[in-house]
Amino acid sequence: MNETTKRQMLEVLADDRRKWNWYSLDIALAIKGIVGIGNIARLASELAAEGLIVERPSETHPKGTYVITEKGRDFLLRKAD
């Protein structure tokens, strides 16, 4: 995944007011005009593998929910400089 896609996804996931799943993340990205970046669930798994988010099981969302980690927040701060 390229750095731009990583940043875009993490910026959305940084909003802690929501419980993010692949579908809500896809919609939020589309509202921001970010479309066609690929399979959101697969991209989220890549972010999780890098330790930037955590994938949590959920009874209401088959693919679980996503929460940004401190490492993910640090990534956003470092790239903002």
Protein backbone atom coordinates (compact mmCIF):
# COMPACT_ATOMS: atom_id res chain seq x y z
CA MET A 1 0.00 0.00 0.00
CA ASN A 2 1.34 3.44 -0.82
CA GLU A 3 1.90 6.14 1.80
CA THR A 4 -0.98 8.31 0.54
CA THR A 5 -3.53 5.52 0.92
CA LYS A 6 -2.14 4.64 4.34
CA ARG A 7 -2.43 8.26 5.49
CA GLN A 8 -5.96 8.67 4.08
CA MET A 9 -7.24 5.57 5.85
CA LEU A 10 -5.55 6.43 9.15
CA GLU A 11 -6.91 9.98 9.08
CA VAL A 12 -10.45 8.60 8.86
CA LEU A 13 -9.81 5.94 11.50
CA ALA A 14 -8.40 8.60 13.86
CA ASP A 15 -11.99 9.78 14.44
CA ASP A 16 -12.76 7.83 17.61
CA ARG A 17 -16.42 8.81 17.66
CA ARG A 18 -17.30 5.83 15.44
CA LYS A 19 -16.86 2.10 15.52
CA TRP A 20 -15.18 1.55 12.17
CA ASN A 21 -15.70 -1.51 10.00
CA TRP A 22 -14.76 -2.04 6.36
CA TYR A 23 -18.12 -0.74 5.14
CA SER A 24 -18.24 2.45 7.23
CA LEU A 25 -14.60 3.12 6.38
CA ASP A 26 -15.31 2.69 2.66
CA ILE A 27 -18.25 5.11 2.87
CA ALA A 28 -16.26 7.70 4.84
CA LEU A 29 -13.44 7.55 2.30
CA ALA A 30 -15.90 7.90 -0.60
CA ILE A 31 -17.48 10.97 1.04
CA LYS A 32 -13.99 12.50 1.10
CA GLY A 33 -13.64 11.69 -2.62
CA ILE A 34 -11.23 8.83 -2.02
CA VAL A 35 -12.45 5.98 -4.21
CA GLY A 36 -10.89 3.12 -6.12
CA ILE A 37 -8.05 2.50 -3.67
CA GLY A 38 -8.76 -1.22 -3.42
CA ASN A 39 -10.38 -3.75 -1.13
CA ILE A 40 -10.84 -1.91 2.17
CA ALA A 41 -10.84 -5.05 4.33
CA ARG A 42 -7.56 -6.20 2.75
CA LEU A 43 -5.99 -2.76 3.11
CA ALA A 44 -7.10 -2.62 6.76
CA SER A 45 -5.46 -6.01 7.33
CA GLU A 46 -2.23 -4.56 5.93
CA LEU A 47 -2.46 -1.63 8.35
CA ALA A 48 -3.03 -4.10 11.20
CA ALA A 49 -0.02 -6.17 10.13
CA GLU A 50 2.09 -3.00 10.42
CA GLY A 51 0.68 -2.32 13.88
CA LEU A 52 -1.04 0.91 12.78
CA ILE A 53 -4.54 -0.34 13.63
CA VAL A 54 -6.07 -3.22 15.58
CA GLU A 55 -8.74 -5.46 14.10
CA ARG A 56 -11.27 -6.45 16.76
CA PRO A 57 -13.87 -9.20 16.46
CA SER A 58 -17.47 -8.05 16.46
CA GLU A 59 -20.78 -9.86 16.71
CA THR A 60 -22.45 -7.26 14.49
CA HIS A 61 -19.73 -6.88 11.84
CA PRO A 62 -18.51 -10.11 10.22
CA LYS A 63 -15.06 -8.74 9.39
CA GLY A 64 -14.72 -7.01 12.75
CA THR A 65 -14.02 -3.40 13.63
CA TYR A 66 -10.89 -1.28 13.41
CA VAL A 67 -9.22 0.97 15.97
CA ILE A 68 -6.18 3.14 15.32
CA THR A 69 -3.20 2.42 17.58
CA GLU A 70 -0.69 4.81 19.13
CA LYS A 71 1.72 3.72 16.40
CA GLY A 72 -0.90 4.76 13.83
CA ARG A 73 -1.37 8.13 15.51
CA ASP A 74 2.41 8.60 15.62
CA PHE A 75 2.54 7.83 11.88
CA LEU A 76 0.05 10.65 11.23
CA LEU A 77 2.00 13.07 13.42
CA ARG A 78 5.36 12.22 11.81
CA LYS A 79 3.98 12.63 8.31
CA ALA A 80 2.33 15.95 9.19
CA ASP A 81 5.69 17.61 9.87
